[in-house]
Amino acid sequence: MASEYLKTKRILLVDDEPELLDMVGSILTEGGFERIKTAGSVKEAIAAA
């Protein structure tokens, strides 16, 4: 279980498998994290950061 402090941090998930991004994003959301972004490539990640 993550502390409330950690739940306020931004998370950027990067992977070229959309299913993996969805799965990990869902797990984090269920864990109470709200500031989650995903990217399918390094280029997308840099743009999102």
Protein backbone atom coordinates (compact mmCIF):
# COMPACT_ATOMS: atom_id res chain seq x y z
CA MET A 1 0.00 0.00 0.00
CA ALA A 2 1.44 3.35 -1.04
CA SER A 3 1.55 6.30 1.30
CA GLU A 4 -0.59 9.33 0.57
CA TYR A 5 2.61 11.26 -0.19
CA LEU A 6 3.52 8.89 -3.02
CA LYS A 7 -0.01 8.99 -4.46
CA THR A 8 0.44 12.71 -5.18
CA LYS A 9 3.46 12.12 -7.43
CA ARG A 10 3.26 12.06 -11.23
CA ILE A 11 3.88 8.73 -12.97
CA LEU A 12 4.91 8.28 -16.60
CA LEU A 13 4.63 4.72 -17.92
CA VAL A 14 6.50 3.98 -21.14
CA ASP A 15 6.14 0.76 -23.10
CA ASP A 16 5.46 -0.26 -26.68
CA GLU A 17 2.81 -2.80 -25.60
CA PRO A 18 -0.54 -1.01 -25.13
CA GLU A 19 -1.95 -3.95 -23.15
CA LEU A 20 0.85 -3.67 -20.63
CA LEU A 21 0.33 0.08 -20.28
CA ASP A 22 -3.39 -0.51 -19.65
CA MET A 23 -2.74 -3.25 -17.11
CA VAL A 24 -0.11 -1.36 -15.10
CA GLY A 25 -2.13 1.86 -15.31
CA SER A 26 -5.20 0.05 -13.97
CA ILE A 27 -3.23 -1.46 -11.10
CA LEU A 28 -1.85 1.95 -10.14
CA THR A 29 -5.30 3.57 -10.41
CA GLU A 30 -6.79 0.87 -8.17
CA GLY A 31 -3.95 1.59 -5.74
CA GLY A 32 -5.07 5.20 -5.47
CA PHE A 33 -2.66 6.89 -7.87
CA GLU A 34 -4.31 9.59 -9.99
CA ARG A 35 -1.56 11.40 -11.92
CA ILE A 36 -0.66 8.71 -14.45
CA LYS A 37 0.35 9.31 -18.06
CA THR A 38 1.28 6.68 -20.61
CA ALA A 39 3.46 6.72 -23.70
CA GLY A 40 4.09 4.11 -26.36
CA SER A 41 7.53 5.36 -27.37
CA VAL A 42 10.46 7.43 -26.20
CA LYS A 43 9.32 10.29 -28.43
CA GLU A 44 5.84 10.25 -26.85
CA ALA A 45 7.38 10.05 -23.38
CA ILE A 46 9.55 13.11 -23.96
CA ALA A 47 6.53 15.03 -25.25
CA ALA A 48 4.47 13.99 -22.22
CA ALA A 49 7.16 14.82 -19.66
